[in-house]
PDB file of all heavy atoms in Angstrom:
ATOM      1  N   VAL A   1     104.709 113.600  76.458  1.00  0.00           N
ATOM      2  CA  VAL A   1     103.492 114.242  76.918  1.00  0.00           C
ATOM      3  C   VAL A   1     102.611 113.233  77.588  1.00  0.00           C
ATOM      4  O   VAL A   1     102.006 113.485  78.671  1.00  0.00           O
ATOM      5  CB  VAL A   1     102.769 114.918  75.741  1.00  0.00           C
ATOM      6  CG1 VAL A   1     101.411 115.434  76.184  1.00  0.00           C
ATOM      7  CG2 VAL A   1     103.617 116.023  75.158  1.00  0.00           C
ATOM      8  N   PHE A   2     102.476 112.010  77.032  1.00  0.00           N
ATOM      9  CA  PHE A   2     101.607 110.986  77.621  1.00  0.00           C
ATOM     10  C   PHE A   2     102.101 110.600  79.021  1.00  0.00           C
ATOM     11  O   PHE A   2     101.315 110.512  79.946  1.00  0.00           O
ATOM     12  CB  PHE A   2     101.565 109.751  76.733  1.00  0.00           C
ATOM     13  CG  PHE A   2     100.687 108.661  77.265  1.00  0.00           C
ATOM     14  CD1 PHE A   2      99.315 108.879  77.487  1.00  0.00           C
ATOM     15  CD2 PHE A   2     101.211 107.407  77.545  1.00  0.00           C
ATOM     16  CE1 PHE A   2      98.529 107.863  77.969  1.00  0.00           C
ATOM     17  CE2 PHE A   2     100.418 106.393  78.018  1.00  0.00           C
ATOM     18  CZ  PHE A   2      99.059 106.622  78.239  1.00  0.00           C
ATOM     19  N   ALA A   3     103.407 110.406  79.151  1.00  0.00           N
ATOM     20  CA  ALA A   3     103.952 110.043  80.481  1.00  0.00           C
ATOM     21  C   ALA A   3     103.723 111.146  81.507  1.00  0.00           C
ATOM     22  O   ALA A   3     103.392 110.908  82.660  1.00  0.00           O
ATOM     23  CB  ALA A   3     105.456 109.758  80.360  1.00  0.00           C
ATOM     24  N   GLY A   4     103.890 112.426  81.054  1.00  0.00           N
ATOM     25  CA  GLY A   4     103.660 113.546  81.974  1.00  0.00           C
ATOM     26  C   GLY A   4     102.241 113.612  82.466  1.00  0.00           C
ATOM     27  O   GLY A   4     101.965 113.858  83.667  1.00  0.00           O
ATOM     28  N   LEU A   5     101.261 113.383  81.558  1.00  0.00           N
ATOM     29  CA  LEU A   5      99.863 113.457  81.958  1.00  0.00           C
ATOM     30  C   LEU A   5      99.433 112.239  82.771  1.00  0.00           C
ATOM     31  O   LEU A   5      98.536 112.346  83.598  1.00  0.00           O
ATOM     32  CB  LEU A   5      98.995 113.644  80.697  1.00  0.00           C
ATOM     33  CG  LEU A   5      99.165 115.043  80.074  1.00  0.00           C
ATOM     34  CD1 LEU A   5      98.442 115.151  78.743  1.00  0.00           C
ATOM     35  CD2 LEU A   5      98.635 116.150  81.020  1.00  0.00           C
ATOM     36  N   LYS A   6     100.042 111.085  82.563  1.00  0.00           N
ATOM     37  CA  LYS A   6      99.780 109.930  83.415  1.00  0.00           C
ATOM     38  C   LYS A   6     100.281 110.194  84.831  1.00  0.00           C
ATOM     39  O   LYS A   6      99.644 109.801  85.816  1.00  0.00           O
ATOM     40  CB  LYS A   6     100.403 108.664  82.826  1.00  0.00           C
ATOM     41  CG  LYS A   6      99.782 108.163  81.566  1.00  0.00           C
ATOM     42  CD  LYS A   6      98.277 107.894  81.682  1.00  0.00           C
ATOM     43  CE  LYS A   6      97.953 106.679  82.519  1.00  0.00           C
ATOM     44  NZ  LYS A   6      96.496 106.387  82.479  1.00  0.00           N
ATOM     45  N   LEU A   7     101.435 110.875  84.918  1.00  0.00           N
ATOM     46  CA  LEU A   7     101.945 111.255  86.272  1.00  0.00           C
ATOM     47  C   LEU A   7     100.950 112.246  86.910  1.00  0.00           C
ATOM     48  O   LEU A   7     100.720 112.172  88.123  1.00  0.00           O
ATOM     49  CB  LEU A   7     103.335 111.870  86.134  1.00  0.00           C
ATOM     50  CG  LEU A   7     103.956 112.392  87.439  1.00  0.00           C
ATOM     51  CD1 LEU A   7     104.083 111.266  88.494  1.00  0.00           C
ATOM     52  CD2 LEU A   7     105.341 112.991  87.162  1.00  0.00           C
ATOM     53  N   TYR A   8     100.393 113.120  86.132  1.00  0.00           N
ATOM     54  CA  TYR A   8      99.383 114.075  86.615  1.00  0.00           C
ATOM     55  C   TYR A   8      98.213 113.331  87.201  1.00  0.00           C
ATOM     56  O   TYR A   8      97.711 113.640  88.288  1.00  0.00           O
ATOM     57  CB  TYR A   8      98.957 114.944  85.429  1.00  0.00           C
ATOM     58  CG  TYR A   8      98.194 116.205  85.722  1.00  0.00           C
ATOM     59  CD1 TYR A   8      98.758 117.246  86.454  1.00  0.00           C
ATOM     60  CD2 TYR A   8      96.889 116.379  85.238  1.00  0.00           C
ATOM     61  CE1 TYR A   8      98.063 118.425  86.683  1.00  0.00           C
ATOM     62  CE2 TYR A   8      96.194 117.569  85.454  1.00  0.00           C
ATOM     63  CZ  TYR A   8      96.815 118.575  86.189  1.00  0.00           C
ATOM     64  OH  TYR A   8      96.122 119.736  86.424  1.00  0.00           O
ATOM     65  N   ASP A   9      97.749 112.255  86.528  1.00  0.00           N
ATOM     66  CA  ASP A   9      96.668 111.433  87.027  1.00  0.00           C
ATOM     67  C   ASP A   9      97.087 110.792  88.370  1.00  0.00           C
ATOM     68  O   ASP A   9      96.297 110.751  89.320  1.00  0.00           O
ATOM     69  CB  ASP A   9      96.323 110.288  86.061  1.00  0.00           C
ATOM     70  CG  ASP A   9      95.711 110.778  84.767  1.00  0.00           C
ATOM     71  OD1 ASP A   9      95.273 111.965  84.714  1.00  0.00           O
ATOM     72  OD2 ASP A   9      95.689 110.020  83.790  1.00  0.00           O
ATOM     73  N   LEU A  10      98.262 110.249  88.392  1.00  0.00           N
ATOM     74  CA  LEU A  10      98.762 109.524  89.546  1.00  0.00           C
ATOM     75  C   LEU A  10      98.801 110.407  90.786  1.00  0.00           C
ATOM     76  O   LEU A  10      98.381 109.996  91.903  1.00  0.00           O
ATOM     77  CB  LEU A  10     100.121 108.955  89.278  1.00  0.00           C
ATOM     78  CG  LEU A  10     100.782 108.077  90.354  1.00  0.00           C
ATOM     79  CD1 LEU A  10      99.974 106.812  90.561  1.00  0.00           C
ATOM     80  CD2 LEU A  10     102.231 107.743  90.003  1.00  0.00           C
ATOM     81  N   LEU A  11      99.242 111.639  90.609  1.00  0.00           N
ATOM     82  CA  LEU A  11      99.296 112.562  91.745  1.00  0.00           C
ATOM     83  C   LEU A  11      97.899 112.942  92.254  1.00  0.00           C
ATOM     84  O   LEU A  11      97.763 113.282  93.442  1.00  0.00           O
ATOM     85  CB  LEU A  11     100.054 113.819  91.326  1.00  0.00           C
ATOM     86  CG  LEU A  11     101.561 113.672  91.063  1.00  0.00           C
ATOM     87  CD1 LEU A  11     102.162 114.988  90.623  1.00  0.00           C
ATOM     88  CD2 LEU A  11     102.270 113.123  92.283  1.00  0.00           C
ATOM     89  N   ALA A  12      96.881 112.848  91.416  1.00  0.00           N
ATOM     90  CA  ALA A  12      95.529 113.185  91.875  1.00  0.00           C
ATOM     91  C   ALA A  12      94.975 112.116  92.782  1.00  0.00           C
ATOM     92  O   ALA A  12      94.052 112.367  93.584  1.00  0.00           O
ATOM     93  CB  ALA A  12      94.618 113.381  90.648  1.00  0.00           C
ATOM     94  N   GLY A  13      95.485 110.872  92.692  1.00  0.00           N
ATOM     95  CA  GLY A  13      95.024 109.778  93.543  1.00  0.00           C
ATOM     96  C   GLY A  13      93.520 109.537  93.444  1.00  0.00           C
ATOM     97  O   GLY A  13      92.976 109.480  92.327  1.00  0.00           O
ATOM     98  N   LYS A  14      92.834 109.468  94.587  1.00  0.00           N
ATOM     99  CA  LYS A  14      91.431 109.160  94.626  1.00  0.00           C
ATOM    100  C   LYS A  14      90.584 110.327  94.067  1.00  0.00           C
ATOM    101  O   LYS A  14      89.417 110.153  93.753  1.00  0.00           O
ATOM    102  CB  LYS A  14      90.969 108.838  96.039  1.00  0.00           C
ATOM    103  CG  LYS A  14      91.567 107.559  96.591  1.00  0.00           C
ATOM    104  CD  LYS A  14      91.076 107.262  97.995  1.00  0.00           C
ATOM    105  CE  LYS A  14      91.657 105.972  98.539  1.00  0.00           C
ATOM    106  NZ  LYS A  14      91.215 105.682  99.924  1.00  0.00           N
ATOM    107  N   LYS A  15      91.177 111.498  93.950  1.00  0.00           N
ATOM    108  CA  LYS A  15      90.425 112.645  93.431  1.00  0.00           C
ATOM    109  C   LYS A  15      90.698 112.838  91.946  1.00  0.00           C
ATOM    110  O   LYS A  15      90.437 113.909  91.394  1.00  0.00           O
ATOM    111  CB  LYS A  15      90.813 113.904  94.214  1.00  0.00           C
ATOM    112  CG  LYS A  15      90.180 113.912  95.623  1.00  0.00           C
ATOM    113  CD  LYS A  15      90.327 115.255  96.273  1.00  0.00           C
ATOM    114  CE  LYS A  15      89.367 115.440  97.422  1.00  0.00           C
ATOM    115  NZ  LYS A  15      89.100 114.283  98.251  1.00  0.00           N
ATOM    116  N   SER A  16      91.163 111.804  91.261  1.00  0.00           N
ATOM    117  CA  SER A  16      91.309 111.869  89.809  1.00  0.00           C
ATOM    118  C   SER A  16      89.979 112.050  89.136  1.00  0.00           C
ATOM    119  O   SER A  16      88.949 111.524  89.568  1.00  0.00           O
ATOM    120  CB  SER A  16      91.953 110.572  89.309  1.00  0.00           C
ATOM    121  OG  SER A  16      91.981 110.522  87.879  1.00  0.00           O
ATOM    122  N   LEU A  17      89.947 112.861  88.086  1.00  0.00           N
ATOM    123  CA  LEU A  17      88.733 113.112  87.336  1.00  0.00           C
ATOM    124  C   LEU A  17      88.568 112.188  86.133  1.00  0.00           C
ATOM    125  O   LEU A  17      87.581 112.307  85.412  1.00  0.00           O
ATOM    126  CB  LEU A  17      88.704 114.576  86.878  1.00  0.00           C
ATOM    127  CG  LEU A  17      88.749 115.646  87.963  1.00  0.00           C
ATOM    128  CD1 LEU A  17      88.680 117.038  87.360  1.00  0.00           C
ATOM    129  CD2 LEU A  17      87.621 115.467  88.966  1.00  0.00           C
ATOM    130  N   GLY A  18      89.510 111.315  85.910  1.00  0.00           N
ATOM    131  CA  GLY A  18      89.473 110.419  84.772  1.00  0.00           C
ATOM    132  C   GLY A  18      90.879 110.100  84.315  1.00  0.00           C
ATOM    133  O   GLY A  18      91.805 110.839  84.549  1.00  0.00           O
ATOM    134  N   SER A  19      91.016 108.977  83.676  1.00  0.00           N
ATOM    135  CA  SER A  19      92.345 108.505  83.263  1.00  0.00           C
ATOM    136  C   SER A  19      92.752 109.088  81.925  1.00  0.00           C
ATOM    137  O   SER A  19      91.974 109.053  80.932  1.00  0.00           O
ATOM    138  CB  SER A  19      92.329 106.984  83.207  1.00  0.00           C
ATOM    139  OG  SER A  19      93.625 106.479  82.824  1.00  0.00           O
ATOM    140  N   SER A  20      93.951 109.622  81.870  1.00  0.00           N
ATOM    141  CA  SER A  20      94.490 110.142  80.594  1.00  0.00           C
ATOM    142  C   SER A  20      94.716 108.967  79.633  1.00  0.00           C
ATOM    143  O   SER A  20      95.042 107.835  80.060  1.00  0.00           O
ATOM    144  CB  SER A  20      95.834 110.840  80.829  1.00  0.00           C
ATOM    145  OG  SER A  20      95.687 111.936  81.682  1.00  0.00           O
ATOM    146  N   ARG A  21      94.544 109.215  78.352  1.00  0.00           N
ATOM    147  CA  ARG A  21      94.809 108.154  77.383  1.00  0.00           C
ATOM    148  C   ARG A  21      95.182 108.751  76.042  1.00  0.00           C
ATOM    149  O   ARG A  21      94.834 109.930  75.738  1.00  0.00           O
ATOM    150  CB  ARG A  21      93.565 107.275  77.211  1.00  0.00           C
ATOM    151  CG  ARG A  21      92.320 107.946  76.654  1.00  0.00           C
ATOM    152  CD  ARG A  21      91.145 106.962  76.606  1.00  0.00           C
ATOM    153  NE  ARG A  21      89.929 107.625  76.173  1.00  0.00           N
ATOM    154  CZ  ARG A  21      89.541 107.724  74.890  1.00  0.00           C
ATOM    155  NH1 ARG A  21      90.316 107.225  73.935  1.00  0.00           N
ATOM    156  NH2 ARG A  21      88.416 108.333  74.580  1.00  0.00           N
ATOM    157  N   LEU A  22      95.911 107.991  75.273  1.00  0.00           N
ATOM    158  CA  LEU A  22      96.262 108.381  73.913  1.00  0.00           C
ATOM    159  C   LEU A  22      95.047 108.240  73.042  1.00  0.00           C
ATOM    160  O   LEU A  22      94.256 107.312  73.159  1.00  0.00           O
ATOM    161  CB  LEU A  22      97.388 107.494  73.392  1.00  0.00           C
ATOM    162  CG  LEU A  22      98.805 107.762  73.870  1.00  0.00           C
ATOM    163  CD1 LEU A  22      99.745 106.649  73.416  1.00  0.00           C
ATOM    164  CD2 LEU A  22      99.296 109.125  73.303  1.00  0.00           C
ATOM    165  N   ILE A  23      94.858 109.203  72.141  1.00  0.00           N
ATOM    166  CA  ILE A  23      93.772 109.104  71.183  1.00  0.00           C
ATOM    167  C   ILE A  23      94.346 109.282  69.762  1.00  0.00           C
ATOM    168  O   ILE A  23      95.363 109.982  69.608  1.00  0.00           O
ATOM    169  CB  ILE A  23      92.645 110.137  71.436  1.00  0.00           C
ATOM    170  CG1 ILE A  23      93.194 111.572  71.346  1.00  0.00           C
ATOM    171  CG2 ILE A  23      91.982 109.910  72.770  1.00  0.00           C
ATOM    172  CD1 ILE A  23      92.105 112.622  71.455  1.00  0.00           C
ATOM    173  N   GLY A  24      93.728 108.676  68.848  1.00  0.00           N
ATOM    174  CA  GLY A  24      94.199 108.764  67.455  1.00  0.00           C
ATOM    175  C   GLY A  24      93.841 110.077  66.816  1.00  0.00           C
ATOM    176  O   GLY A  24      93.062 110.875  67.367  1.00  0.00           O
ATOM    177  N   ARG A  25      94.370 110.242  65.656  1.00  0.00           N
ATOM    178  CA  ARG A  25      94.141 111.472  64.866  1.00  0.00           C
ATOM    179  C   ARG A  25      92.666 111.707  64.626  1.00  0.00           C
ATOM    180  O   ARG A  25      92.140 112.814  64.789  1.00  0.00           O
ATOM    181  CB  ARG A  25      94.883 111.367  63.564  1.00  0.00           C
ATOM    182  CG  ARG A  25      94.797 112.516  62.633  1.00  0.00           C
ATOM    183  CD  ARG A  25      95.678 112.229  61.394  1.00  0.00           C
ATOM    184  NE  ARG A  25      95.709 113.365  60.483  1.00  0.00           N
ATOM    185  CZ  ARG A  25      94.797 113.550  59.530  1.00  0.00           C
ATOM    186  NH1 ARG A  25      93.806 112.702  59.383  1.00  0.00           N
ATOM    187  NH2 ARG A  25      94.906 114.612  58.730  1.00  0.00           N
TER     188      ARG A  25
END
């Protein structure tokens, strides 16, 4: 899931709304 959402960020390029990140419980 993390890799998929990082690819989602990458495809947004300069129009990214923020970087995906892992968060703890």
